């Protein structure tokens, strides 16, 4: 009986972790897209985010893409756990 409760607890923890991952991903995606939009409209200077050889628009775009990837991972694992 102990192993069954451990499996349930593991699924609950994994489901909660997936939820946290896709919430963080959604927030990063929204932040990145809004920053790109505001930068294109000229509301702030995107060069503030540049360092090295990377332009500021690349860094902001990377934030948005990272958010999309985190959301996809979180939702994917969540759907996989629900189908099992």
Protein backbone atom coordinates (compact mmCIF):
# COMPACT_ATOMS: atom_id res chain seq x y z
CA UNK A 1 0.00 0.00 0.00
CA UNK A 2 2.87 2.32 0.68
CA UNK A 3 4.05 2.22 -2.93
CA UNK A 4 0.59 3.16 -4.27
CA UNK A 5 0.45 6.25 -2.07
CA UNK A 6 3.99 7.16 -3.12
CA UNK A 7 3.01 6.93 -6.80
CA UNK A 8 -0.03 9.13 -6.23
CA UNK A 9 2.07 11.62 -4.32
CA UNK A 10 4.69 11.61 -7.09
CA UNK A 11 2.00 12.27 -9.72
CA UNK A 12 0.60 15.14 -7.67
CA UNK A 13 4.03 16.69 -7.22
CA UNK A 14 4.82 16.25 -10.92
CA UNK A 15 1.48 17.77 -11.92
CA UNK A 16 2.09 20.76 -9.65
CA UNK A 17 5.61 21.17 -11.02
CA UNK A 18 4.27 21.10 -14.59
CA UNK A 19 1.72 23.73 -13.66
CA UNK A 20 4.45 25.97 -12.27
CA UNK A 21 6.57 25.44 -15.40
CA UNK A 22 3.82 26.41 -17.82
CA UNK A 23 2.76 29.40 -15.75
CA UNK A 24 6.35 30.68 -15.77
CA UNK A 25 6.47 29.96 -19.51
CA UNK A 26 3.28 31.89 -20.17
CA UNK A 27 4.52 34.87 -18.13
CA UNK A 28 7.85 34.91 -19.98
CA UNK A 29 6.08 34.68 -23.34
CA UNK A 30 3.74 37.55 -22.52
CA UNK A 31 6.60 39.65 -21.14
CA UNK A 32 8.79 38.97 -24.19
CA UNK A 33 6.03 39.70 -26.71
CA UNK A 34 5.02 42.91 -24.96
CA UNK A 35 8.65 44.02 -24.75
CA UNK A 36 9.10 43.36 -28.47
CA UNK A 37 5.92 45.26 -29.26
CA UNK A 38 6.88 48.23 -27.09
CA UNK A 39 10.37 48.24 -28.57
CA UNK A 40 9.09 48.22 -32.13
CA UNK A 41 6.67 51.03 -31.32
CA UNK A 42 9.54 53.04 -29.85
CA UNK A 43 8.24 53.15 -26.29
CA UNK A 44 11.66 52.12 -24.95
CA UNK A 45 15.13 51.54 -26.27
CA UNK A 46 15.83 47.86 -26.94
CA UNK A 47 19.57 48.48 -27.00
CA UNK A 48 19.52 48.52 -23.20
CA UNK A 49 19.29 44.75 -23.30
CA UNK A 50 22.19 44.23 -25.69
CA UNK A 51 25.49 42.81 -24.53
CA UNK A 52 28.43 41.46 -26.43
CA UNK A 53 27.63 40.90 -30.08
CA UNK A 54 23.89 40.31 -29.49
CA UNK A 55 21.42 43.05 -30.27
CA UNK A 56 18.74 43.92 -27.75
CA UNK A 57 15.95 42.61 -29.95
CA UNK A 58 17.62 39.18 -29.95
CA UNK A 59 17.73 39.05 -26.16
CA UNK A 60 14.09 40.06 -25.84
CA UNK A 61 13.13 37.55 -28.52
CA UNK A 62 15.05 34.87 -26.66
CA UNK A 63 12.96 35.55 -23.56
CA UNK A 64 9.75 35.09 -25.57
CA UNK A 65 11.00 31.90 -27.23
CA UNK A 66 12.18 30.48 -23.90
CA UNK A 67 8.73 31.12 -22.49
CA UNK A 68 7.14 29.28 -25.42
CA UNK A 69 9.45 26.30 -24.89
CA UNK A 70 8.74 26.17 -21.15
CA UNK A 71 5.01 26.32 -21.81
CA UNK A 72 5.24 23.53 -24.37
CA UNK A 73 7.24 21.35 -21.97
CA UNK A 74 4.85 21.97 -19.08
CA UNK A 75 1.70 21.37 -21.11
CA UNK A 76 3.24 18.34 -22.83
CA UNK A 77 4.20 16.60 -19.61
CA UNK A 78 0.85 17.49 -18.09
CA UNK A 79 -1.03 15.96 -21.04
CA UNK A 80 1.18 12.90 -20.93
CA UNK A 81 0.44 12.36 -17.23
CA UNK A 82 -3.30 12.77 -17.81
CA UNK A 83 -3.31 10.18 -20.59
CA UNK A 84 -1.65 7.54 -18.40
